[in-house]
Amino acid sequence: MELIPAPRAVEGRTEGGVPLDRDTTLWAGPGTERTERWLRATLGASLGLRLPPGPRDAGNAVRLLLDDALEPEAYRLGAVA
């Protein structure tokens, strides 16, 4: 099952990854609550992680926010390790 559609473009480094662990938190901006619940129930459960709520600026965090500048169904995925 594909969780995230394949990107149209990739910029920067593409090797490696961003580890999610027991300290990883999840911040959800307004309008992303449904996705927040889905991530906790699906991704969190499959990895055995709680993904508790955390502050927007926390390190080791997944952040969800809407961007009106993007087309419908478009997304931007950023990672800093």
Protein backbone atom coordinates (compact mmCIF):
# COMPACT_ATOMS: atom_id res chain seq x y z
CA MET A 1 0.00 0.00 0.00
CA GLU A 2 1.36 3.41 -0.96
CA LEU A 3 1.06 5.86 1.95
CA ILE A 4 2.26 8.92 0.06
CA PRO A 5 1.97 9.44 -3.73
CA ALA A 6 5.27 9.51 -5.63
CA PRO A 7 6.66 13.05 -5.97
CA ARG A 8 6.90 14.94 -9.26
CA ALA A 9 10.30 16.29 -8.27
CA VAL A 10 12.96 15.66 -5.63
CA GLU A 11 15.46 18.29 -4.51
CA GLY A 12 18.57 17.79 -2.43
CA ARG A 13 19.88 14.60 -0.88
CA THR A 14 17.83 11.49 -1.56
CA GLU A 15 19.79 8.75 0.19
CA GLY A 16 19.49 7.87 3.84
CA GLY A 17 16.34 8.54 5.76
CA VAL A 18 14.80 10.18 8.75
CA PRO A 19 14.40 7.77 11.66
CA LEU A 20 11.18 7.77 13.64
CA ASP A 21 11.57 6.55 17.22
CA ARG A 22 9.85 6.58 20.61
CA ASP A 23 10.75 10.27 21.05
CA THR A 24 9.18 11.37 17.75
CA THR A 25 6.23 13.74 18.22
CA LEU A 26 3.44 14.81 15.89
CA TRP A 27 2.27 18.41 15.48
CA ALA A 28 -0.90 19.02 13.49
CA GLY A 29 -1.87 22.44 12.20
CA PRO A 30 -5.47 23.59 11.76
CA GLY A 31 -7.38 21.52 9.23
CA THR A 32 -5.06 18.50 9.45
CA GLU A 33 -6.71 16.75 12.39
CA ARG A 34 -8.09 13.89 10.29
CA THR A 35 -4.64 13.17 8.84
CA GLU A 36 -3.16 13.42 12.33
CA ARG A 37 -5.53 10.72 13.60
CA TRP A 38 -4.82 8.55 10.56
CA LEU A 39 -1.04 8.84 11.00
CA ARG A 40 -1.23 7.87 14.65
CA ALA A 41 -3.56 4.95 13.97
CA THR A 42 -1.78 3.65 10.85
CA LEU A 43 1.87 4.71 10.88
CA GLY A 44 2.21 4.84 14.65
CA ALA A 45 0.59 1.45 15.14
CA SER A 46 2.60 -0.23 12.38
CA LEU A 47 5.88 1.10 13.84
CA GLY A 48 4.85 0.60 17.47
CA LEU A 49 5.13 4.34 18.18
CA ARG A 50 2.74 6.61 20.11
CA LEU A 51 3.60 9.77 18.12
CA PRO A 52 2.35 12.00 20.95
CA PRO A 53 1.45 15.64 20.30
CA GLY A 54 4.41 17.99 20.44
CA PRO A 55 5.18 21.67 19.81
CA ARG A 56 5.42 22.89 16.22
CA ASP A 57 9.12 23.72 16.54
CA ALA A 58 10.16 20.44 18.21
CA GLY A 59 13.04 18.47 16.80
CA ASN A 60 12.44 14.80 15.92
CA ALA A 61 8.87 15.59 14.91
CA VAL A 62 6.38 15.09 12.14
CA ARG A 63 4.59 18.35 11.28
CA LEU A 64 1.37 18.62 9.31
CA LEU A 65 0.20 21.91 7.85
CA LEU A 66 -1.91 23.13 4.97
CA ASP A 67 -0.36 25.35 2.29
CA ASP A 68 -2.86 27.31 0.20
CA ALA A 69 -0.13 27.97 -2.39
CA LEU A 70 -0.14 24.30 -3.43
CA GLU A 71 -2.58 22.73 -5.87
CA PRO A 72 -5.37 20.53 -4.48
CA GLU A 73 -4.02 17.11 -3.45
CA ALA A 74 -0.43 18.42 -3.73
CA TYR A 75 1.97 18.04 -0.84
CA ARG A 76 5.44 19.11 0.20
CA LEU A 77 7.49 16.72 2.30
CA GLY A 78 10.50 18.14 4.08
CA ALA A 79 12.93 16.32 6.34
CA VAL A 80 15.79 17.52 8.51
CA ALA A 81 17.91 14.94 10.27
